[in-house]
Protein backbone atom coordinates (compact mmCIF):
# COMPACT_ATOMS: atom_id res chain seq x y z
CA UNK A 1 36.31 58.77 -149.26
CA UNK A 2 38.31 58.73 -152.50
CA UNK A 3 41.55 58.71 -150.55
CA UNK A 4 40.45 55.70 -148.59
CA UNK A 5 39.59 53.81 -151.75
CA UNK A 6 42.94 54.82 -153.26
CA UNK A 7 44.75 53.47 -150.22
CA UNK A 8 42.75 50.26 -150.46
CA UNK A 9 44.07 49.74 -153.98
CA UNK A 10 47.69 50.79 -153.42
CA UNK A 11 48.61 49.37 -150.02
CA UNK A 12 48.26 45.68 -151.03
CA UNK A 13 51.31 46.27 -153.22
CA UNK A 14 53.32 46.46 -150.02
CA UNK A 15 52.89 42.70 -149.73
CA UNK A 16 55.83 42.44 -152.11
CA UNK A 17 58.06 42.98 -149.07
CA UNK A 18 56.38 40.28 -146.99
CA UNK A 19 58.28 39.40 -143.84
CA UNK A 20 59.54 35.91 -143.18
CA UNK A 21 61.63 33.57 -145.35
CA UNK A 22 60.96 33.21 -149.07
CA UNK A 23 60.58 29.53 -149.84
CA UNK A 24 63.14 27.83 -152.07
CA UNK A 25 62.53 24.24 -153.18
CA UNK A 26 65.13 21.83 -151.78
CA UNK A 27 67.85 20.79 -154.25
CA UNK A 28 67.78 17.42 -155.97
CA UNK A 29 69.66 14.64 -154.17
CA UNK A 30 73.30 14.30 -155.15
CA UNK A 31 73.16 10.68 -156.21
CA UNK A 32 74.29 9.10 -159.47
CA UNK A 33 72.21 5.97 -158.99
CA UNK A 34 70.31 3.80 -156.58
CA UNK A 35 72.91 1.12 -155.94
CA UNK A 36 76.59 1.11 -155.06
CA UNK A 37 77.36 -0.79 -158.26
CA UNK A 38 76.12 -0.24 -161.85
CA UNK A 39 72.91 -2.04 -162.76
CA UNK A 40 73.34 -5.18 -164.81
CA UNK A 41 70.86 -7.38 -166.64
CA UNK A 42 69.30 -10.17 -164.62
CA UNK A 43 69.91 -13.82 -165.42
CA UNK A 44 67.55 -15.69 -167.72
CA UNK A 45 65.93 -19.07 -167.25
CA UNK A 46 64.11 -21.11 -169.96
CA UNK A 47 60.78 -21.12 -168.15
CA UNK A 48 57.72 -18.85 -168.44
CA UNK A 49 58.54 -15.36 -167.06
CA UNK A 50 62.17 -16.34 -166.76
CA UNK A 51 63.54 -13.87 -169.33
CA UNK A 52 66.41 -11.54 -168.48
CA UNK A 53 65.37 -8.00 -167.58
CA UNK A 54 67.25 -4.98 -168.95
CA UNK A 55 67.30 -1.74 -166.90
CA UNK A 56 67.14 1.46 -168.97
CA UNK A 57 68.66 4.27 -166.92
CA UNK A 58 67.04 7.66 -167.46
CA UNK A 59 64.07 6.28 -169.40
CA UNK A 60 60.60 7.61 -168.67
CA UNK A 61 57.79 5.48 -167.26
CA UNK A 62 54.73 4.96 -169.41
CA UNK A 63 51.45 6.18 -168.02
CA UNK A 64 49.92 2.75 -168.67
CA UNK A 65 52.94 0.78 -167.44
CA UNK A 66 50.70 -2.16 -166.55
CA UNK A 67 50.25 -2.71 -170.30
CA UNK A 68 53.81 -4.11 -170.26
CA UNK A 69 52.45 -7.22 -168.51
CA UNK A 70 50.70 -8.13 -171.76
CA UNK A 71 47.27 -8.85 -170.27
CA UNK A 72 44.19 -7.26 -171.91
CA UNK A 73 42.18 -8.36 -168.87
CA UNK A 74 44.51 -6.40 -166.59
CA UNK A 75 44.29 -3.34 -168.84
CA UNK A 76 40.49 -3.46 -168.69
CA UNK A 77 40.41 -3.93 -164.92
CA UNK A 78 42.67 -0.93 -164.36
CA UNK A 79 40.40 1.17 -166.59
CA UNK A 80 37.38 0.07 -164.58
CA UNK A 81 39.11 0.91 -161.30
CA UNK A 82 40.13 4.38 -162.51
CA UNK A 83 36.57 5.04 -163.62
CA UNK A 84 34.65 3.66 -160.65
CA UNK A 85 36.84 3.45 -157.54
CA UNK A 86 35.64 6.14 -155.06
CA UNK A 87 39.14 6.96 -153.79
CA UNK A 88 39.90 9.18 -156.80
CA UNK A 89 36.69 11.28 -156.62
CA UNK A 90 37.31 11.70 -152.88
CA UNK A 91 40.85 12.96 -153.52
CA UNK A 92 39.62 15.25 -156.30
CA UNK A 93 36.97 16.69 -153.99
CA UNK A 94 39.64 17.34 -151.36
CA UNK A 95 41.69 19.16 -153.98
CA UNK A 96 38.69 21.30 -154.94
CA UNK A 97 38.17 22.10 -151.28
CA UNK A 98 41.81 23.16 -150.94
CA UNK A 99 41.62 25.35 -154.05
CA UNK A 100 38.47 27.04 -152.78
CA UNK A 101 40.31 27.73 -149.51
CA UNK A 102 43.00 29.48 -151.55
CA UNK A 103 40.40 31.59 -153.35
CA UNK A 104 38.73 32.44 -150.04
CA UNK A 105 42.04 33.56 -148.52
CA UNK A 106 42.76 35.75 -151.54
CA UNK A 107 39.55 37.62 -150.75
CA UNK A 108 41.35 39.24 -147.82
CA UNK A 109 43.28 41.39 -150.30
CA UNK A 110 40.09 43.37 -150.92
CA UNK A 111 38.04 45.71 -148.70
CA UNK A 112 35.03 44.37 -146.85
CA UNK A 113 31.91 46.22 -147.95
CA UNK A 114 28.57 45.90 -146.21
CA UNK A 115 25.19 47.62 -146.53
CA UNK A 116 23.06 48.44 -143.52
CA UNK A 117 19.52 49.79 -143.21
CA UNK A 118 17.73 50.73 -140.01
CA UNK A 119 14.37 52.35 -139.27
CA UNK A 120 12.90 53.39 -135.92
CA UNK A 121 10.01 55.34 -134.34
CA UNK A 122 11.02 57.31 -131.26
CA UNK A 123 9.62 59.50 -128.46
CA UNK A 124 11.82 62.18 -126.91
CA UNK A 125 11.61 62.39 -123.08
CA UNK A 126 10.86 66.15 -123.09
CA UNK A 127 11.04 66.28 -119.31
CA UNK A 128 14.71 65.47 -119.52
CA UNK A 129 16.00 66.65 -122.91
CA UNK A 130 14.96 68.93 -125.72
CA UNK A 131 13.33 67.20 -128.70
CA UNK A 132 16.04 66.07 -131.10
CA UNK A 133 13.93 66.33 -134.24
CA UNK A 134 14.31 69.41 -136.40
CA UNK A 135 10.55 70.11 -136.14
CA UNK A 136 10.58 70.09 -132.35
CA UNK A 137 8.00 67.30 -132.31
CA UNK A 138 8.82 64.79 -129.51
CA UNK A 139 7.62 62.01 -131.83
CA UNK A 140 9.98 61.33 -134.70
CA UNK A 141 11.04 58.60 -137.08
CA UNK A 142 14.58 57.90 -138.21
CA UNK A 143 15.51 56.04 -141.40
CA UNK A 144 19.20 55.34 -142.00
CA UNK A 145 20.67 53.54 -145.04
CA UNK A 146 24.42 53.13 -144.60
CA UNK A 147 27.44 51.73 -146.43
CA UNK A 148 30.33 50.36 -144.31
CA UNK A 149 33.80 49.77 -145.70
CA UNK A 150 36.64 48.12 -143.78
CA UNK A 151 40.10 47.29 -145.03
CA UNK A 152 43.28 45.91 -143.50
CA UNK A 153 46.27 46.73 -145.74
CA UNK A 154 48.67 43.81 -146.11
CA UNK A 155 51.66 45.97 -145.17
CA UNK A 156 53.80 43.15 -143.75
CA UNK A 157 52.53 40.45 -146.06
CA UNK A 158 50.42 38.64 -143.47
CA UNK A 159 47.77 37.75 -146.01
CA UNK A 160 50.40 37.19 -148.69
CA UNK A 161 51.92 34.47 -146.51
CA UNK A 162 48.47 33.11 -145.66
CA UNK A 163 47.67 32.75 -149.37
CA UNK A 164 51.09 31.19 -149.93
CA UNK A 165 50.40 28.70 -147.14
CA UNK A 166 46.98 27.84 -148.58
CA UNK A 167 48.44 27.35 -152.06
CA UNK A 168 51.13 25.06 -150.66
CA UNK A 169 48.45 23.10 -148.80
CA UNK A 170 46.60 22.73 -152.11
CA UNK A 171 49.83 21.46 -153.68
CA UNK A 172 50.02 18.86 -150.91
CA UNK A 173 46.46 17.82 -151.66
CA UNK A 174 47.32 17.58 -155.34
CA UNK A 175 50.10 15.22 -154.31
CA UNK A 176 47.53 13.22 -152.35
CA UNK A 177 45.44 12.92 -155.53
CA UNK A 178 48.47 11.70 -157.46
CA UNK A 179 49.27 9.25 -154.66
CA UNK A 180 45.71 7.92 -154.75
CA UNK A 181 46.05 7.32 -158.50
CA UNK A 182 49.38 5.51 -158.09
CA UNK A 183 48.14 3.47 -155.14
CA UNK A 184 44.97 2.42 -156.95
CA UNK A 185 46.67 1.32 -160.17
CA UNK A 186 49.48 -0.44 -158.29
CA UNK A 187 47.04 -2.26 -156.02
CA UNK A 188 45.07 -3.52 -159.01
CA UNK A 189 48.21 -4.86 -160.69
CA UNK A 190 49.52 -6.38 -157.45
CA UNK A 191 46.10 -7.91 -156.77
CA UNK A 192 45.95 -9.45 -160.23
CA UNK A 193 49.43 -10.94 -159.79
CA UNK A 194 48.46 -12.29 -156.39
CA UNK A 195 45.38 -13.93 -157.89
CA UNK A 196 47.54 -15.46 -160.61
CA UNK A 197 49.95 -16.75 -157.97
CA UNK A 198 47.14 -18.34 -155.99
CA UNK A 199 45.73 -19.97 -159.09
CA UNK A 200 49.18 -21.33 -159.87
CA UNK A 201 49.57 -22.69 -156.37
CA UNK A 202 46.12 -24.25 -156.54
CA UNK A 203 46.95 -25.86 -159.88
CA UNK A 204 50.24 -27.22 -158.49
CA UNK A 205 48.46 -28.57 -155.44
CA UNK A 206 45.78 -30.20 -157.59
CA UNK A 207 48.51 -31.82 -159.71
CA UNK A 208 50.11 -33.12 -156.53
CA UNK A 209 46.79 -34.52 -155.36
CA UNK A 210 46.30 -36.31 -158.69
CA UNK A 211 49.79 -37.82 -158.39
CA UNK A 212 49.03 -38.89 -154.82
CA UNK A 213 45.74 -40.45 -155.95
CA UNK A 214 47.49 -42.32 -158.77
CA UNK A 215 50.11 -43.65 -156.38
CA UNK A 216 47.44 -44.69 -153.92
CA UNK A 217 45.70 -46.62 -156.68
CA UNK A 218 48.96 -48.37 -157.59
CA UNK A 219 49.64 -49.29 -153.98
CA UNK A 220 46.14 -50.63 -153.46
CA UNK A 221 46.46 -52.84 -156.53
CA UNK A 222 49.82 -54.05 -155.32
CA UNK A 223 48.33 -54.73 -151.89
CA UNK A 224 45.67 -56.83 -153.55
CA UNK A 225 48.44 -58.87 -155.19
CA UNK A 226 50.27 -59.16 -151.90
CA UNK A 227 53.19 -57.03 -153.12
CA UNK A 228 52.67 -54.06 -150.76
CA UNK A 229 52.09 -53.94 -147.03
CA UNK A 230 49.02 -52.30 -145.57
CA UNK A 231 51.25 -49.84 -143.71
CA UNK A 232 52.46 -48.39 -147.03
CA UNK A 233 48.89 -47.96 -148.22
CA UNK A 234 47.92 -46.22 -144.99
CA UNK A 235 50.95 -43.93 -145.26
CA UNK A 236 50.00 -42.98 -148.81
CA UNK A 237 46.43 -42.28 -147.71
CA UNK A 238 47.85 -39.94 -145.07
CA UNK A 239 50.04 -38.22 -147.70
CA UNK A 240 47.00 -37.75 -149.94
CA UNK A 241 44.98 -36.28 -147.08
CA UNK A 242 47.86 -33.93 -146.24
CA UNK A 243 47.98 -32.66 -149.84
CA UNK A 244 44.21 -32.20 -149.89
CA UNK A 245 44.46 -30.21 -146.65
CA UNK A 246 46.49 -27.52 -148.41
CA UNK A 247 43.80 -26.83 -151.01
CA UNK A 248 40.95 -25.20 -148.96
CA UNK A 249 43.14 -22.38 -147.50
CA UNK A 250 44.43 -21.54 -150.98
CA UNK A 251 40.89 -21.41 -152.36
CA UNK A 252 39.88 -19.23 -149.44
CA UNK A 253 42.72 -16.81 -150.21
CA UNK A 254 41.66 -16.77 -153.86
CA UNK A 255 38.07 -15.87 -152.96
CA UNK A 256 39.30 -13.08 -150.65
CA UNK A 257 41.58 -11.78 -153.40
CA UNK A 258 38.70 -11.79 -155.89
CA UNK A 259 36.64 -9.73 -153.45
CA UNK A 260 39.54 -7.29 -153.05
CA UNK A 261 39.86 -6.82 -156.83
CA UNK A 262 36.09 -6.37 -157.10
CA UNK A 263 36.24 -3.64 -154.46
CA UNK A 264 39.15 -1.94 -156.24
CA UNK A 265 37.01 -1.87 -159.38
CA UNK A 266 34.39 0.07 -157.39
CA UNK A 267 31.88 -2.76 -157.27
CA UNK A 268 29.93 -4.49 -154.54
CA UNK A 269 30.74 -8.16 -153.82
CA UNK A 270 27.67 -9.47 -155.64
CA UNK A 271 28.90 -7.78 -158.86
CA UNK A 272 32.18 -9.68 -159.08
CA UNK A 273 34.57 -8.68 -161.85
CA UNK A 274 34.60 -10.84 -164.97
CA UNK A 275 38.39 -10.85 -165.41
CA UNK A 276 40.44 -13.77 -164.14
CA UNK A 277 44.23 -13.98 -163.95
CA UNK A 278 46.80 -16.76 -164.11
CA UNK A 279 50.57 -16.72 -164.50
CA UNK A 280 50.45 -18.00 -168.08
CA UNK A 281 48.51 -14.89 -169.16
CA UNK A 282 50.95 -12.43 -167.58
CA UNK A 283 54.14 -11.40 -169.35
CA UNK A 284 57.24 -10.27 -167.49
CA UNK A 285 58.31 -6.75 -168.61
CA UNK A 286 61.77 -7.16 -170.12
CA UNK A 287 62.83 -3.54 -170.78
CA UNK A 288 62.42 -1.77 -167.44
CA UNK A 289 62.80 2.04 -167.32
CA UNK A 290 64.61 3.49 -164.32
CA UNK A 291 64.23 7.24 -163.68
CA UNK A 292 67.25 9.26 -162.60
CA UNK A 293 67.41 10.18 -158.89
CA UNK A 294 67.15 13.88 -159.76
CA UNK A 295 63.91 13.18 -161.63
CA UNK A 296 62.48 10.86 -158.99
CA UNK A 297 61.73 13.69 -156.55
CA UNK A 298 59.38 15.30 -159.08
CA UNK A 299 57.66 11.99 -159.81
CA UNK A 300 57.03 10.62 -156.34
CA UNK A 301 53.77 12.02 -154.91
CA UNK A 302 54.96 11.53 -151.33
CA UNK A 303 58.07 13.64 -151.98
CA UNK A 304 55.91 16.33 -153.59
CA UNK A 305 53.63 16.31 -150.56
CA UNK A 306 56.60 16.58 -148.20
CA UNK A 307 57.91 19.57 -150.17
CA UNK A 308 54.48 21.22 -150.07
CA UNK A 309 54.30 20.69 -146.30
CA UNK A 310 57.74 22.31 -146.01
CA UNK A 311 56.41 25.26 -148.03
CA UNK A 312 53.43 25.56 -145.69
CA UNK A 313 55.76 25.65 -142.68
CA UNK A 314 57.88 28.35 -144.34
CA UNK A 315 54.85 30.55 -145.03
CA UNK A 316 53.63 30.08 -141.45
CA UNK A 317 56.86 31.62 -140.18
CA UNK A 318 56.06 34.80 -142.14
CA UNK A 319 52.59 34.96 -140.61
CA UNK A 320 54.02 34.53 -137.11
CA UNK A 321 56.56 37.32 -137.69
CA UNK A 322 53.94 39.67 -139.14
CA UNK A 323 51.67 39.15 -136.12
CA UNK A 324 54.29 40.91 -133.96
CA UNK A 325 54.31 44.05 -136.14
CA UNK A 326 51.89 47.01 -136.24
CA UNK A 327 48.56 46.28 -137.85
CA UNK A 328 46.77 49.04 -139.79
CA UNK A 329 43.01 49.21 -140.20
CA UNK A 330 41.08 51.62 -142.46
CA UNK A 331 37.33 52.18 -142.14
CA UNK A 332 34.74 54.32 -143.89
CA UNK A 333 31.02 54.89 -143.45
CA UNK A 334 28.70 56.68 -145.85
CA UNK A 335 24.96 57.10 -145.47
CA UNK A 336 21.84 59.22 -144.98
CA UNK A 337 19.64 59.68 -141.98
CA UNK A 338 16.18 61.29 -142.32
CA UNK A 339 12.85 61.41 -140.50
CA UNK A 340 10.97 60.04 -143.53
CA UNK A 341 11.58 58.40 -146.85
CA UNK A 342 10.65 61.57 -148.72
CA UNK A 343 13.42 63.46 -146.95
CA UNK A 344 15.98 60.74 -147.45
CA UNK A 345 18.20 62.54 -149.94
CA UNK A 346 17.47 66.15 -149.05
CA UNK A 347 20.34 68.44 -148.11
CA UNK A 348 21.63 67.99 -144.59
CA UNK A 349 20.67 64.30 -144.23
CA UNK A 350 23.90 62.72 -145.50
CA UNK A 351 26.89 61.80 -143.34
CA UNK A 352 30.26 60.09 -143.70
CA UNK A 353 33.09 58.96 -141.51
CA UNK A 354 36.70 58.11 -142.32
CA UNK A 355 38.88 56.31 -139.83
CA UNK A 356 42.28 54.75 -139.52
CA UNK A 357 43.87 52.82 -136.69
CA UNK A 358 47.18 51.23 -135.84
CA UNK A 359 47.55 48.39 -133.35
CA UNK A 360 50.95 47.42 -132.02
CA UNK A 361 51.23 44.44 -129.70
CA UNK A 362 53.29 45.50 -126.67
CA UNK A 363 53.07 42.63 -124.22
CA UNK A 364 51.10 39.40 -124.51
CA UNK A 365 53.00 37.20 -122.12
CA UNK A 366 55.56 36.41 -124.87
CA UNK A 367 52.80 34.51 -126.70
CA UNK A 368 53.65 35.90 -130.15
CA UNK A 369 57.38 35.29 -129.62
CA UNK A 370 56.83 31.67 -128.74
CA UNK A 371 54.40 31.21 -131.65
CA UNK A 372 57.12 32.43 -133.99
CA UNK A 373 59.64 30.06 -132.43
CA UNK A 374 57.12 27.23 -132.72
CA UNK A 375 56.65 28.05 -136.41
CA UNK A 376 60.41 27.91 -136.96
CA UNK A 377 60.60 24.58 -135.12
CA UNK A 378 57.76 23.26 -137.31
CA UNK A 379 59.79 24.29 -140.36
CA UNK A 380 62.82 22.39 -139.08
CA UNK A 381 60.59 19.36 -138.50
CA UNK A 382 59.13 19.57 -142.01
CA UNK A 383 62.64 19.89 -143.47
CA UNK A 384 63.76 16.75 -141.65
CA UNK A 385 60.62 14.91 -142.76
CA UNK A 386 61.28 15.96 -146.35
CA UNK A 387 64.82 14.57 -146.21
CA UNK A 388 63.48 11.37 -144.66
CA UNK A 389 60.87 11.05 -147.41
CA UNK A 390 63.52 11.48 -150.12
CA UNK A 391 65.72 8.86 -148.49
CA UNK A 392 62.78 6.47 -148.23
CA UNK A 393 61.88 7.04 -151.88
CA UNK A 394 65.43 6.27 -152.96
CA UNK A 395 65.46 3.21 -150.70
CA UNK A 396 62.20 1.92 -152.21
CA UNK A 397 63.69 2.04 -155.71
CA UNK A 398 66.95 0.47 -154.55
CA UNK A 399 65.09 -2.33 -152.76
CA UNK A 400 63.00 -3.07 -155.84
CA UNK A 401 66.01 -3.10 -158.18
CA UNK A 402 67.96 -5.44 -155.92
CA UNK A 403 64.90 -7.62 -155.41
CA UNK A 404 64.54 -8.14 -159.17
CA UNK A 405 68.11 -9.40 -159.40
CA UNK A 406 67.53 -11.85 -156.57
CA UNK A 407 64.13 -12.82 -157.98
CA UNK A 408 65.73 -13.84 -161.27
CA UNK A 409 68.22 -16.01 -159.35
CA UNK A 410 65.36 -17.51 -157.34
CA UNK A 411 63.42 -18.40 -160.50
CA UNK A 412 66.52 -20.09 -161.92
CA UNK A 413 67.10 -22.07 -158.73
CA UNK A 414 63.42 -22.99 -158.40
CA UNK A 415 63.27 -24.12 -162.03
CA UNK A 416 66.35 -26.29 -161.60
CA UNK A 417 64.94 -27.75 -158.38
CA UNK A 418 61.58 -28.43 -160.07
CA UNK A 419 63.24 -30.19 -163.01
CA UNK A 420 65.46 -32.25 -160.73
CA UNK A 421 62.58 -33.18 -158.43
CA UNK A 422 60.42 -34.19 -161.40
CA UNK A 423 63.16 -36.45 -162.76
CA UNK A 424 63.72 -37.94 -159.30
CA UNK A 425 60.01 -38.65 -158.87
CA UNK A 426 59.80 -40.32 -162.26
CA UNK A 427 62.76 -42.56 -161.49
CA UNK A 428 61.37 -43.44 -158.05
CA UNK A 429 58.01 -44.43 -159.52
CA UNK A 430 59.66 -46.71 -162.07
CA UNK A 431 61.87 -48.28 -159.40
CA UNK A 432 58.92 -48.81 -157.09
CA UNK A 433 57.00 -50.55 -159.87
CA UNK A 434 59.97 -52.87 -160.33
CA UNK A 435 60.32 -53.40 -156.61
CA UNK A 436 63.79 -51.85 -156.53
CA UNK A 437 63.06 -49.19 -153.86
CA UNK A 438 60.84 -48.92 -150.86
CA UNK A 439 57.67 -46.87 -150.75
CA UNK A 440 59.40 -44.48 -148.34
CA UNK A 441 61.81 -43.44 -151.09
CA UNK A 442 58.90 -42.70 -153.39
CA UNK A 443 57.13 -40.67 -150.70
CA UNK A 444 60.23 -38.56 -150.19
CA UNK A 445 60.56 -37.95 -153.93
CA UNK A 446 56.95 -36.90 -154.41
CA UNK A 447 57.04 -34.52 -151.45
CA UNK A 448 60.18 -32.91 -152.87
CA UNK A 449 58.51 -32.58 -156.27
CA UNK A 450 55.39 -30.94 -154.82
CA UNK A 451 57.44 -28.43 -152.83
CA UNK A 452 59.63 -27.60 -155.84
CA UNK A 453 56.59 -26.98 -158.04
CA UNK A 454 55.06 -24.61 -155.48
CA UNK A 455 58.39 -22.82 -155.02
CA UNK A 456 58.66 -22.21 -158.77
CA UNK A 457 55.14 -20.77 -158.95
CA UNK A 458 55.82 -18.49 -156.01
CA UNK A 459 59.17 -17.37 -157.44
CA UNK A 460 57.59 -16.47 -160.78
CA UNK A 461 54.80 -14.53 -159.07
CA UNK A 462 57.23 -12.73 -156.78
CA UNK A 463 59.24 -11.56 -159.77
CA UNK A 464 56.14 -10.13 -161.41
CA UNK A 465 55.04 -8.48 -158.16
CA UNK A 466 58.46 -6.90 -157.55
CA UNK A 467 58.48 -5.53 -161.09
CA UNK A 468 55.16 -3.83 -160.41
CA UNK A 469 56.56 -2.56 -157.10
CA UNK A 470 59.45 -0.94 -158.98
CA UNK A 471 57.04 0.98 -161.22
CA UNK A 472 55.22 2.14 -158.13
CA UNK A 473 58.47 3.14 -156.40
CA UNK A 474 59.45 5.23 -159.44
CA UNK A 475 56.23 7.26 -159.19
CA UNK A 476 53.77 5.18 -161.15
CA UNK A 477 53.62 7.35 -164.29
CA UNK A 478 50.75 9.55 -163.04
CA UNK A 479 52.11 12.55 -164.97
CA UNK A 480 51.06 10.92 -168.24
CA UNK A 481 47.39 10.61 -167.25
CA UNK A 482 45.78 13.55 -169.04
CA UNK A 483 42.51 13.20 -167.14
CA UNK A 484 44.29 13.50 -163.80
CA UNK A 485 46.34 16.56 -164.74
CA UNK A 486 43.34 18.13 -166.48
CA UNK A 487 41.29 17.76 -163.29
CA UNK A 488 44.00 19.49 -161.28
CA UNK A 489 44.37 22.34 -163.82
CA UNK A 490 40.59 22.72 -164.09
CA UNK A 491 40.26 23.05 -160.34
CA UNK A 492 43.00 25.70 -160.28
CA UNK A 493 41.39 27.75 -163.04
CA UNK A 494 37.98 27.38 -161.49
CA UNK A 495 39.24 28.94 -158.28
């Protein structure tokens, strides 16, 4: 019995020579930057959120990067979402589940020990066999307490690879938790910017409606004096109705966006958030950090998940290889068997059994061979998916950086168009009052002014949204959230 227990303690050390490939993390991408040309500052425009943006290569992202937008209401809403949105507790529970699976798999390193107790009353068929009891009485009782021990030494590292696979799966789930954090915070910021954009568009539309109403009043007074034809008045009434038609869809979108932000904050629709957002209250981040490509792979949760999935596939190869090798099983039984409780521990009632077995698969229709090949193919697939994820991550950052340059140009063009359209409208109104131009010229000028104002609002909002998208593409700063990392470390220690 002592030898069996000694083997149970020593043989797990053989897992150090586990079969199958030892996983090595993929190297960092060989890229000096995200664009073919060095990053340069964006252009500036003397309008709100028209400042030039400076890109700081190699700088780290703040954990509360949304604070750069200068909105206390946004800061508070993000805090509420992190505290109450159910997506984070769900991801944390999934991580706990994965860590418990790791702990459960580690239990296979130890022997399985079970206690058994049986009691029976028996009658010996004396016409067929001699009484089996020591007293010769055909009636006898049998009480048997027994201890069973079973152990499978991890000679080829089967369980070692299974634990490795489970740990890698937990790493993937940790990446899912980080991704949930990044997605939640980014969605709140993007939702707030979208609300601000809608409010700006509504305000621009309401200004247009007021201008249309003023013009209609002028035309009606002129019609009363016989200076304007009824056709011009009717055309202006149609223009006013057209402008008013734009307003309800925008208000509908605003209500939907408010509901979305309320849901992100973890609230039901009847408990709408108190914060409101408009473009004037949001500040464009001027100094924008840009992580190095070699650092990006450790910051992006999706890349970390892809690496963890590759690790799982590598460990699965080892398990498939080990399944084709001899499997050793050790067993032991220790107990007593007596006719009564009083005789339970008397001499001659104890028994023990030691056993060992080796099983070598010989032929299973090539099942194990094809399972190993399937595991290797799954590894190749995971490796390709990892490379694809890295490329996509780099592309996301490149797209966001290029978008910010074009956004700055768009704001400049929209601002110039808005200023020109406003001047043109003012001139047309003065000329119409003096009878120097037709009403059609005024109508053209006011339509151009309304479109230019909306374009400027949308360009400003797009620039803010693309800045937030860049922070998300760079990983979102989750590594600075102490509560998130503490939860992950606590779950690991608890397992």
